[in-house]
Structure formats: C-alpha cells, structure tokens
Amino acid sequence: GKQLVVVALSIAPKQAGQPPSPGHRHPGSVYVYVTEGTARFGVEGEPVKEVKTGESFFEPPGALHTVMESASSSAGAKAIAVMIVPDGAPLTLPAQP
C-alpha cells in the first residue's frame, strides 16, 4: 500500500527579511540527502538543522515542514528526497490538516 518516490530538489538561497512560509506536510516519511552545498531544514518543534553535502535529514510522517533553504544567501543547494507515500496520497499536504 505504499510507493517509493525519489525527487531531485533545487534549494534556493535564503532570503533575508522574507516572511516565514506556512510550511507543508508529507503523508509519509521523507529522507533528504544533500548532494551539493549546505541546506537548512526545519520541522515544527525542532531546531533548524544545517545539512552539508553528503549528510541527510529525516522528516517523520505528518510533521510540519517549516524551513527548506540554502544556508547561503548567494548560492543554492541540491538534494535528493526519498519519500514513502501511501497509495493514492499526494506528495505534499497543506500546513493545516
């Protein structure tokens, strides 16, 4: 009853003074592996983590994903997201259930 979905991510440079995003949720687990640069990831209730090339970030099912940006204000980052998605579910869900 589940699918494995792999998505290439291009992560934009952080923007000073930009209001925070309301975020989103994923119906299944998400494992992100950074392939280039350094990215910042955050889920509600946890400190934002800086993840460098060769490192990874795990997002549990249903967690509110609040931050995804490059750690640099001038260069982006790249990553691969491996998602376990229940059959028939969308890849992302709005912040509000």
PDB file of N, CA and C in Angstrom:
ATOM      1  N   GLY A   1       0.763  -1.204   0.000  1.00  0.00           N
ATOM      2  CA  GLY A   1       0.000   0.000   0.000  1.00  0.00           C
ATOM      3  C   GLY A   1       0.813   1.283   0.000  1.00  0.00           C
ATOM      4  N   LYS A   2       2.098   1.207  -0.375  1.00  0.00           N
ATOM      5  CA  LYS A   2       2.907   2.440  -0.385  1.00  0.00           C
ATOM      6  C   LYS A   2       3.775   2.474  -1.636  1.00  0.00           C
ATOM      7  N   GLN A   3       4.210   3.688  -1.993  1.00  0.00           N
ATOM      8  CA  GLN A   3       5.096   3.892  -3.126  1.00  0.00           C
ATOM      9  C   GLN A   3       6.373   4.570  -2.652  1.00  0.00           C
ATOM     10  N   LEU A   4       7.471   4.272  -3.301  1.00  0.00           N
ATOM     11  CA  LEU A   4       8.732   4.957  -3.049  1.00  0.00           C
ATOM     12  C   LEU A   4       8.910   5.967  -4.174  1.00  0.00           C
ATOM     13  N   VAL A   5       9.023   7.247  -3.825  1.00  0.00           N
ATOM     14  CA  VAL A   5       9.148   8.325  -4.805  1.00  0.00           C
ATOM     15  C   VAL A   5      10.455   9.058  -4.534  1.00  0.00           C
ATOM     16  N   VAL A   6      11.246   9.266  -5.597  1.00  0.00           N
ATOM     17  CA  VAL A   6      12.509   9.983  -5.483  1.00  0.00           C
ATOM     18  C   VAL A   6      12.380  11.294  -6.257  1.00  0.00           C
ATOM     19  N   VAL A   7      12.716  12.409  -5.596  1.00  0.00           N
ATOM     20  CA  VAL A   7      12.561  13.737  -6.187  1.00  0.00           C
ATOM     21  C   VAL A   7      13.881  14.499  -6.069  1.00  0.00           C
ATOM     22  N   ALA A   8      14.330  15.099  -7.190  1.00  0.00           N
ATOM     23  CA  ALA A   8      15.507  15.972  -7.160  1.00  0.00           C
ATOM     24  C   ALA A   8      15.064  17.353  -6.678  1.00  0.00           C
ATOM     25  N   LEU A   9      15.788  17.928  -5.727  1.00  0.00           N
ATOM     26  CA  LEU A   9      15.444  19.236  -5.168  1.00  0.00           C
ATOM     27  C   LEU A   9      16.513  20.266  -5.526  1.00  0.00           C
ATOM     28  N   SER A  10      16.079  21.417  -6.007  1.00  0.00           N
ATOM     29  CA  SER A  10      16.942  22.586  -6.157  1.00  0.00           C
ATOM     30  C   SER A  10      16.501  23.558  -5.076  1.00  0.00           C
ATOM     31  N   ILE A  11      17.383  23.846  -4.147  1.00  0.00           N
ATOM     32  CA  ILE A  11      17.028  24.628  -2.959  1.00  0.00           C
ATOM     33  C   ILE A  11      17.562  26.041  -3.127  1.00  0.00           C
ATOM     34  N   ALA A  12      16.668  27.003  -3.068  1.00  0.00           N
ATOM     35  CA  ALA A  12      17.012  28.412  -3.299  1.00  0.00           C
ATOM     36  C   ALA A  12      17.827  28.992  -2.141  1.00  0.00           C
ATOM     37  N   PRO A  13      18.645  30.018  -2.443  1.00  0.00           N
ATOM     38  CA  PRO A  13      19.371  30.716  -1.381  1.00  0.00           C
ATOM     39  C   PRO A  13      18.403  31.339  -0.376  1.00  0.00           C
ATOM     40  N   LYS A  14      18.857  31.453   0.869  1.00  0.00           N
ATOM     41  CA  LYS A  14      17.997  32.062   1.881  1.00  0.00           C
ATOM     42  C   LYS A  14      17.798  33.540   1.570  1.00  0.00           C
ATOM     43  N   GLN A  15      16.629  34.039   1.904  1.00  0.00           N
ATOM     44  CA  GLN A  15      16.260  35.424   1.625  1.00  0.00           C
ATOM     45  C   GLN A  15      16.110  36.179   2.941  1.00  0.00           C
ATOM     46  N   ALA A  16      16.978  37.133   3.205  1.00  0.00           N
ATOM     47  CA  ALA A  16      16.898  37.930   4.430  1.00  0.00           C
ATOM     48  C   ALA A  16      15.612  38.735   4.428  1.00  0.00           C
ATOM     49  N   GLY A  17      14.943  38.779   5.542  1.00  0.00           N
ATOM     50  CA  GLY A  17      13.750  39.596   5.701  1.00  0.00           C
ATOM     51  C   GLY A  17      12.493  39.018   5.079  1.00  0.00           C
ATOM     52  N   GLN A  18      12.591  37.833   4.468  1.00  0.00           N
ATOM     53  CA  GLN A  18      11.409  37.219   3.871  1.00  0.00           C
ATOM     54  C   GLN A  18      10.550  36.599   4.969  1.00  0.00           C
ATOM     55  N   PRO A  19       9.218  36.823   4.927  1.00  0.00           N
ATOM     56  CA  PRO A  19       8.370  36.229   5.963  1.00  0.00           C
ATOM     57  C   PRO A  19       8.426  34.702   5.888  1.00  0.00           C
ATOM     58  N   PRO A  20       8.310  34.027   7.028  1.00  0.00           N
ATOM     59  CA  PRO A  20       8.383  32.570   7.014  1.00  0.00           C
ATOM     60  C   PRO A  20       7.212  31.956   6.241  1.00  0.00           C
ATOM     61  N   SER A  21       7.485  30.847   5.611  1.00  0.00           N
ATOM     62  CA  SER A  21       6.457  30.103   4.875  1.00  0.00           C
ATOM     63  C   SER A  21       5.538  29.405   5.882  1.00  0.00           C
ATOM     64  N   PRO A  22       4.255  29.219   5.528  1.00  0.00           N
ATOM     65  CA  PRO A  22       3.377  28.478   6.442  1.00  0.00           C
ATOM     66  C   PRO A  22       3.759  27.003   6.511  1.00  0.00           C
ATOM     67  N   GLY A  23       4.575  26.563   5.562  1.00  0.00           N
ATOM     68  CA  GLY A  23       5.048  25.187   5.564  1.00  0.00           C
ATOM     69  C   GLY A  23       4.089  24.232   4.885  1.00  0.00           C
ATOM     70  N   HIS A  24       4.415  22.953   4.998  1.00  0.00           N
ATOM     71  CA  HIS A  24       3.585  21.898   4.433  1.00  0.00           C
ATOM     72  C   HIS A  24       3.889  20.605   5.175  1.00  0.00           C
ATOM     73  N   ARG A  25       3.121  19.582   4.872  1.00  0.00           N
ATOM     74  CA  ARG A  25       3.303  18.267   5.486  1.00  0.00           C
ATOM     75  C   ARG A  25       3.435  17.225   4.383  1.00  0.00           C
ATOM     76  N   HIS A  26       3.985  16.078   4.746  1.00  0.00           N
ATOM     77  CA  HIS A  26       4.051  14.939   3.842  1.00  0.00           C
ATOM     78  C   HIS A  26       3.310  13.780   4.517  1.00  0.00           C
ATOM     79  N   PRO A  27       2.520  13.024   3.758  1.00  0.00           N
ATOM     80  CA  PRO A  27       1.759  11.942   4.377  1.00  0.00           C
ATOM     81  C   PRO A  27       2.615  10.745   4.791  1.00  0.00           C
ATOM     82  N   GLY A  28       3.848  10.677   4.293  1.00  0.00           N
ATOM     83  CA  GLY A  28       4.750   9.587   4.654  1.00  0.00           C
ATOM     84  C   GLY A  28       6.107  10.117   5.066  1.00  0.00           C
ATOM     85  N   SER A  29       7.021   9.208   5.317  1.00  0.00           N
ATOM     86  CA  SER A  29       8.385   9.578   5.707  1.00  0.00           C
ATOM     87  C   SER A  29       9.133  10.217   4.544  1.00  0.00           C
ATOM     88  N   VAL A  30      10.042  11.138   4.869  1.00  0.00           N
ATOM     89  CA  VAL A  30      10.888  11.771   3.862  1.00  0.00           C
ATOM     90  C   VAL A  30      12.336  11.731   4.364  1.00  0.00           C
ATOM     91  N   TYR A  31      13.214  11.228   3.498  1.00  0.00           N
ATOM     92  CA  TYR A  31      14.645  11.190   3.780  1.00  0.00           C
ATOM     93  C   TYR A  31      15.308  12.066   2.724  1.00  0.00           C
ATOM     94  N   VAL A  32      16.032  13.104   3.139  1.00  0.00           N
ATOM     95  CA  VAL A  32      16.663  14.031   2.206  1.00  0.00           C
ATOM     96  C   VAL A  32      18.180  13.900   2.320  1.00  0.00           C
ATOM     97  N   TYR A  33      18.837  13.717   1.167  1.00  0.00           N
ATOM     98  CA  TYR A  33      20.283  13.598   1.093  1.00  0.00           C
ATOM     99  C   TYR A  33      20.800  14.780   0.289  1.00  0.00           C
ATOM    100  N   VAL A  34      21.659  15.610   0.899  1.00  0.00           N
ATOM    101  CA  VAL A  34      22.186  16.804   0.236  1.00  0.00           C
ATOM    102  C   VAL A  34      23.345  16.395  -0.664  1.00  0.00           C
ATOM    103  N   THR A  35      23.239  16.777  -1.955  1.00  0.00           N
ATOM    104  CA  THR A  35      24.249  16.415  -2.949  1.00  0.00           C
ATOM    105  C   THR A  35      25.181  17.570  -3.305  1.00  0.00           C
ATOM    106  N   GLU A  36      24.771  18.797  -2.965  1.00  0.00           N
ATOM    107  CA  GLU A  36      25.600  19.971  -3.292  1.00  0.00           C
ATOM    108  C   GLU A  36      25.259  21.119  -2.354  1.00  0.00           C
ATOM    109  N   GLY A  37      26.272  21.760  -1.787  1.00  0.00           N
ATOM    110  CA  GLY A  37      26.053  22.911  -0.914  1.00  0.00           C
ATOM    111  C   GLY A  37      25.656  22.510   0.500  1.00  0.00           C
ATOM    112  N   THR A  38      25.080  23.477   1.206  1.00  0.00           N
ATOM    113  CA  THR A  38      24.583  23.264   2.566  1.00  0.00           C
ATOM    114  C   THR A  38      23.159  23.776   2.613  1.00  0.00           C
ATOM    115  N   ALA A  39      22.256  22.954   3.118  1.00  0.00           N
ATOM    116  CA  ALA A  39      20.843  23.324   3.193  1.00  0.00           C
ATOM    117  C   ALA A  39      20.401  23.420   4.642  1.00  0.00           C
ATOM    118  N   ARG A  40      19.373  24.211   4.861  1.00  0.00           N
ATOM    119  CA  ARG A  40      18.763  24.342   6.185  1.00  0.00           C
ATOM    120  C   ARG A  40      17.367  23.730   6.102  1.00  0.00           C
ATOM    121  N   PHE A  41      17.084  22.788   7.012  1.00  0.00           N
ATOM    122  CA  PHE A  41      15.782  22.134   7.071  1.00  0.00           C
ATOM    123  C   PHE A  41      15.226  22.269   8.477  1.00  0.00           C
ATOM    124  N   GLY A  42      13.915  22.436   8.566  1.00  0.00           N
ATOM    125  CA  GLY A  42      13.300  22.513   9.872  1.00  0.00           C
ATOM    126  C   GLY A  42      11.903  21.942   9.872  1.00  0.00           C
ATOM    127  N   VAL A  43      11.565  21.293  10.976  1.00  0.00           N
ATOM    128  CA  VAL A  43      10.201  20.845  11.212  1.00  0.00           C
ATOM    129  C   VAL A  43       9.742  21.454  12.530  1.00  0.00           C
ATOM    130  N   GLU A  44       8.458  21.684  12.622  1.00  0.00           N
ATOM    131  CA  GLU A  44       7.877  22.329  13.799  1.00  0.00           C
ATOM    132  C   GLU A  44       8.279  21.603  15.078  1.00  0.00           C
ATOM    133  N   GLY A  45       8.673  22.393  16.071  1.00  0.00           N
ATOM    134  CA  GLY A  45       9.024  21.844  17.368  1.00  0.00           C
ATOM    135  C   GLY A  45      10.475  21.418  17.513  1.00  0.00           C
ATOM    136  N   GLU A  46      11.262  21.527  16.437  1.00  0.00           N
ATOM    137  CA  GLU A  46      12.670  21.146  16.486  1.00  0.00           C
ATOM    138  C   GLU A  46      13.525  22.297  15.966  1.00  0.00           C
ATOM    139  N   PRO A  47      14.774  22.402  16.416  1.00  0.00           N
ATOM    140  CA  PRO A  47      15.647  23.453  15.879  1.00  0.00           C
ATOM    141  C   PRO A  47      15.946  23.189  14.408  1.00  0.00           C
ATOM    142  N   VAL A  48      16.153  24.258  13.643  1.00  0.00           N
ATOM    143  CA  VAL A  48      16.533  24.146  12.231  1.00  0.00           C
ATOM    144  C   VAL A  48      17.923  23.515  12.169  1.00  0.00           C
ATOM    145  N   LYS A  49      18.097  22.579  11.222  1.00  0.00           N
ATOM    146  CA  LYS A  49      19.374  21.878  11.085  1.00  0.00           C
ATOM    147  C   LYS A  49      20.056  22.282   9.790  1.00  0.00           C
ATOM    148  N   GLU A  50      21.365  22.511   9.854  1.00  0.00           N
ATOM    149  CA  GLU A  50      22.166  22.743   8.654  1.00  0.00           C
ATOM    150  C   GLU A  50      22.728  21.392   8.224  1.00  0.00           C
ATOM    151  N   VAL A  51      22.468  21.042   6.968  1.00  0.00           N
ATOM    152  CA  VAL A  51      22.853  19.740   6.437  1.00  0.00           C
ATOM    153  C   VAL A  51      23.794  19.973   5.256  1.00  0.00           C
ATOM    154  N   LYS A  52      25.026  19.467   5.370  1.00  0.00           N
ATOM    155  CA  LYS A  52      26.059  19.685   4.350  1.00  0.00           C
ATOM    156  C   LYS A  52      26.058  18.566   3.311  1.00  0.00           C
ATOM    157  N   THR A  53      26.764  18.804   2.199  1.00  0.00           N
ATOM    158  CA  THR A  53      26.920  17.786   1.163  1.00  0.00           C
ATOM    159  C   THR A  53      27.329  16.459   1.797  1.00  0.00           C
ATOM    160  N   GLY A  54      26.610  15.392   1.439  1.00  0.00           N
ATOM    161  CA  GLY A  54      26.908  14.065   1.971  1.00  0.00           C
ATOM    162  C   GLY A  54      26.170  13.732   3.255  1.00  0.00           C
ATOM    163  N   GLU A  55      25.450  14.691   3.819  1.00  0.00           N
ATOM    164  CA  GLU A  55      24.683  14.455   5.042  1.00  0.00           C
ATOM    165  C   GLU A  55      23.197  14.356   4.700  1.00  0.00           C
ATOM    166  N   SER A  56      22.398  13.925   5.695  1.00  0.00           N
ATOM    167  CA  SER A  56      20.981  13.721   5.430  1.00  0.00           C
ATOM    168  C   SER A  56      20.097  14.285   6.540  1.00  0.00           C
ATOM    169  N   PHE A  57      18.814  14.375   6.215  1.00  0.00           N
ATOM    170  CA  PHE A  57      17.787  14.910   7.114  1.00  0.00           C
ATOM    171  C   PHE A  57      16.573  14.001   7.008  1.00  0.00           C
ATOM    172  N   PHE A  58      15.962  13.666   8.136  1.00  0.00           N
ATOM    173  CA  PHE A  58      14.772  12.813   8.146  1.00  0.00           C
ATOM    174  C   PHE A  58      13.572  13.608   8.630  1.00  0.00           C
ATOM    175  N   GLU A  59      12.475  13.444   7.939  1.00  0.00           N
ATOM    176  CA  GLU A  59      11.226  14.101   8.302  1.00  0.00           C
ATOM    177  C   GLU A  59      10.166  13.019   8.522  1.00  0.00           C
ATOM    178  N   PRO A  60       9.644  12.897   9.754  1.00  0.00           N
ATOM    179  CA  PRO A  60       8.649  11.855  10.011  1.00  0.00           C
ATOM    180  C   PRO A  60       7.299  12.161   9.344  1.00  0.00           C
ATOM    181  N   PRO A  61       6.483  11.146   9.131  1.00  0.00           N
ATOM    182  CA  PRO A  61       5.172  11.356   8.501  1.00  0.00           C
ATOM    183  C   PRO A  61       4.339  12.384   9.263  1.00  0.00           C
ATOM    184  N   GLY A  62       3.733  13.307   8.518  1.00  0.00           N
ATOM    185  CA  GLY A  62       2.830  14.287   9.106  1.00  0.00           C
ATOM    186  C   GLY A  62       3.477  15.478   9.783  1.00  0.00           C
ATOM    187  N   ALA A  63       4.805  15.502   9.897  1.00  0.00           N
ATOM    188  CA  ALA A  63       5.490  16.633  10.546  1.00  0.00           C
ATOM    189  C   ALA A  63       5.284  17.896   9.714  1.00  0.00           C
ATOM    190  N   LEU A  64       5.151  19.033  10.373  1.00  0.00           N
ATOM    191  CA  LEU A  64       5.026  20.307   9.669  1.00  0.00           C
ATOM    192  C   LEU A  64       6.415  20.769   9.268  1.00  0.00           C
ATOM    193  N   HIS A  65       6.682  20.744   7.959  1.00  0.00           N
ATOM    194  CA  HIS A  65       7.973  21.139   7.392  1.00  0.00           C
ATOM    195  C   HIS A  65       7.943  22.659   7.248  1.00  0.00           C
ATOM    196  N   THR A  66       8.771  23.365   8.022  1.00  0.00           N
ATOM    197  CA  THR A  66       8.708  24.827   8.086  1.00  0.00           C
ATOM    198  C   THR A  66       9.846  25.549   7.391  1.00  0.00           C
ATOM    199  N   VAL A  67      11.006  24.880   7.205  1.00  0.00           N
ATOM    200  CA  VAL A  67      12.162  25.546   6.601  1.00  0.00           C
ATOM    201  C   VAL A  67      12.825  24.619   5.591  1.00  0.00           C
ATOM    202  N   MET A  68      13.083  25.148   4.396  1.00  0.00           N
ATOM    203  CA  MET A  68      13.924  24.482   3.403  1.00  0.00           C
ATOM    204  C   MET A  68      14.553  25.587   2.574  1.00  0.00           C
ATOM    205  N   GLU A  69      15.830  25.840   2.821  1.00  0.00           N
ATOM    206  CA  GLU A  69      16.552  26.886   2.098  1.00  0.00           C
ATOM    207  C   GLU A  69      18.029  26.564   2.122  1.00  0.00           C
ATOM    208  N   SER A  70      18.763  27.180   1.198  1.00  0.00           N
ATOM    209  CA  SER A  70      20.214  27.060   1.224  1.00  0.00           C
ATOM    210  C   SER A  70      20.725  27.826   2.440  1.00  0.00           C
ATOM    211  N   ALA A  71      21.828  27.384   2.999  1.00  0.00           N
ATOM    212  CA  ALA A  71      22.441  28.106   4.114  1.00  0.00           C
ATOM    213  C   ALA A  71      23.114  29.384   3.619  1.00  0.00           C
ATOM    214  N   SER A  72      23.335  29.467   2.307  1.00  0.00           N
ATOM    215  CA  SER A  72      23.991  30.626   1.691  1.00  0.00           C
ATOM    216  C   SER A  72      22.946  31.606   1.157  1.00  0.00           C
ATOM    217  N   SER A  73      23.264  32.885   1.237  1.00  0.00           N
ATOM    218  CA  SER A  73      22.362  33.894   0.661  1.00  0.00           C
ATOM    219  C   SER A  73      22.686  34.153  -0.811  1.00  0.00           C
ATOM    220  N   SER A  74      23.773  33.535  -1.328  1.00  0.00           N
ATOM    221  CA  SER A  74      24.149  33.774  -2.725  1.00  0.00           C
ATOM    222  C   SER A  74      24.173  32.520  -3.591  1.00  0.00           C
ATOM    223  N   ALA A  75      24.186  31.346  -2.995  1.00  0.00           N
ATOM    224  CA  ALA A  75      24.236  30.106  -3.778  1.00  0.00           C
ATOM    225  C   ALA A  75      23.190  29.118  -3.280  1.00  0.00           C
ATOM    226  N   GLY A  76      22.591  28.416  -4.205  1.00  0.00           N
ATOM    227  CA  GLY A  76      21.601  27.406  -3.844  1.00  0.00           C
ATOM    228  C   GLY A  76      22.272  26.113  -3.403  1.00  0.00           C
ATOM    229  N   ALA A  77      21.454  25.136  -3.097  1.00  0.00           N
ATOM    230  CA  ALA A  77      21.924  23.804  -2.734  1.00  0.00           C
ATOM    231  C   ALA A  77      21.091  22.797  -3.526  1.00  0.00           C
ATOM    232  N   LYS A  78      21.554  21.556  -3.572  1.00  0.00           N
ATOM    233  CA  LYS A  78      20.814  20.500  -4.264  1.00  0.00           C
ATOM    234  C   LYS A  78      20.723  19.286  -3.358  1.00  0.00           C
ATOM    235  N   ALA A  79      19.622  18.551  -3.515  1.00  0.00           N
ATOM    236  CA  ALA A  79      19.409  17.376  -2.689  1.00  0.00           C
ATOM    237  C   ALA A  79      18.509  16.394  -3.427  1.00  0.00           C
ATOM    238  N   ILE A  80      18.439  15.200  -2.894  1.00  0.00           N
ATOM    239  CA  ILE A  80      17.516  14.180  -3.375  1.00  0.00           C
ATOM    240  C   ILE A  80      16.619  13.813  -2.205  1.00  0.00           C
ATOM    241  N   ALA A  81      15.306  13.854  -2.436  1.00  0.00           N
ATOM    242  CA  ALA A  81      14.345  13.458  -1.408  1.00  0.00           C
ATOM    243  C   ALA A  81      13.790  12.081  -1.764  1.00  0.00           C
ATOM    244  N   VAL A  82      13.840  11.172  -0.814  1.00  0.00           N
ATOM    245  CA  VAL A  82      13.264   9.846  -0.973  1.00  0.00           C
ATOM    246  C   VAL A  82      12.034   9.811  -0.066  1.00  0.00           C
ATOM    247  N   MET A  83      10.868   9.650  -0.684  1.00  0.00           N
ATOM    248  CA  MET A  83       9.606   9.738   0.050  1.00  0.00           C
ATOM    249  C   MET A  83       8.877   8.394   0.006  1.00  0.00           C
ATOM    250  N   ILE A  84       8.326   7.992   1.132  1.00  0.00           N
ATOM    251  CA  ILE A  84       7.465   6.815   1.182  1.00  0.00           C
ATOM    252  C   ILE A  84       6.040   7.356   1.271  1.00  0.00           C
ATOM    253  N   VAL A  85       5.278   7.157   0.206  1.00  0.00           N
ATOM    254  CA  VAL A  85       3.962   7.782   0.069  1.00  0.00           C
ATOM    255  C   VAL A  85       2.868   6.706   0.056  1.00  0.00           C
ATOM    256  N   PRO A  86       1.867   6.821   0.928  1.00  0.00           N
ATOM    257  CA  PRO A  86       0.753   5.875   0.876  1.00  0.00           C
ATOM    258  C   PRO A  86       0.070   5.925  -0.494  1.00  0.00           C
ATOM    259  N   ASP A  87      -0.347   4.767  -1.008  1.00  0.00           N
ATOM    260  CA  ASP A  87      -1.036   4.705  -2.290  1.00  0.00           C
ATOM    261  C   ASP A  87      -2.182   5.703  -2.352  1.00  0.00           C
ATOM    262  N   GLY A  88      -2.223   6.483  -3.434  1.00  0.00           N
ATOM    263  CA  GLY A  88      -3.308   7.433  -3.652  1.00  0.00           C
ATOM    264  C   GLY A  88      -3.145   8.765  -2.941  1.00  0.00           C
ATOM    265  N   ALA A  89      -2.122   8.912  -2.098  1.00  0.00           N
ATOM    266  CA  ALA A  89      -1.921  10.167  -1.361  1.00  0.00           C
ATOM    267  C   ALA A  89      -1.072  11.124  -2.191  1.00  0.00           C
ATOM    268  N   PRO A  90      -1.276  12.448  -2.011  1.00  0.00           N
ATOM    269  CA  PRO A  90      -0.407  13.423  -2.689  1.00  0.00           C
ATOM    270  C   PRO A  90       0.976  13.434  -2.028  1.00  0.00           C
ATOM    271  N   LEU A  91       1.965  13.992  -2.738  1.00  0.00           N
ATOM    272  CA  LEU A  91       3.306  14.072  -2.167  1.00  0.00           C
ATOM    273  C   LEU A  91       3.368  15.060  -1.016  1.00  0.00           C
ATOM    274  N   THR A  92       2.618  16.164  -1.119  1.00  0.00           N
ATOM    275  CA  THR A  92       2.589  17.168  -0.052  1.00  0.00           C
ATOM    276  C   THR A  92       1.157  17.495   0.311  1.00  0.00           C
ATOM    277  N   LEU A  93       1.008  17.964   1.550  1.00  0.00           N
ATOM    278  CA  LEU A  93      -0.291  18.381   2.086  1.00  0.00           C
ATOM    279  C   LEU A  93      -0.135  19.802   2.620  1.00  0.00           C
ATOM    280  N   PRO A  94      -1.203  20.596   2.628  1.00  0.00           N
ATOM    281  CA  PRO A  94      -1.096  21.943   3.189  1.00  0.00           C
ATOM    282  C   PRO A  94      -0.739  21.901   4.679  1.00  0.00           C
ATOM    283  N   ALA A  95      -0.270  23.021   5.177  1.00  0.00           N
ATOM    284  CA  ALA A  95       0.137  23.119   6.596  1.00  0.00           C
ATOM    285  C   ALA A  95      -1.008  22.777   7.533  1.00  0.00           C
ATOM    286  N   GLN A  96      -2.204  23.213   7.198  1.00  0.00           N
ATOM    287  CA  GLN A  96      -3.378  22.938   8.040  1.00  0.00           C
ATOM    288  C   GLN A  96      -3.992  21.620   7.630  1.00  0.00           C
ATOM    289  N   PRO A  97      -4.191  20.695   8.592  1.00  0.00           N
ATOM    290  CA  PRO A  97      -4.788  19.391   8.235  1.00  0.00           C
ATOM    291  C   PRO A  97      -6.233  19.535   7.790  1.00  0.00           C
TER     292      PRO A  97
END
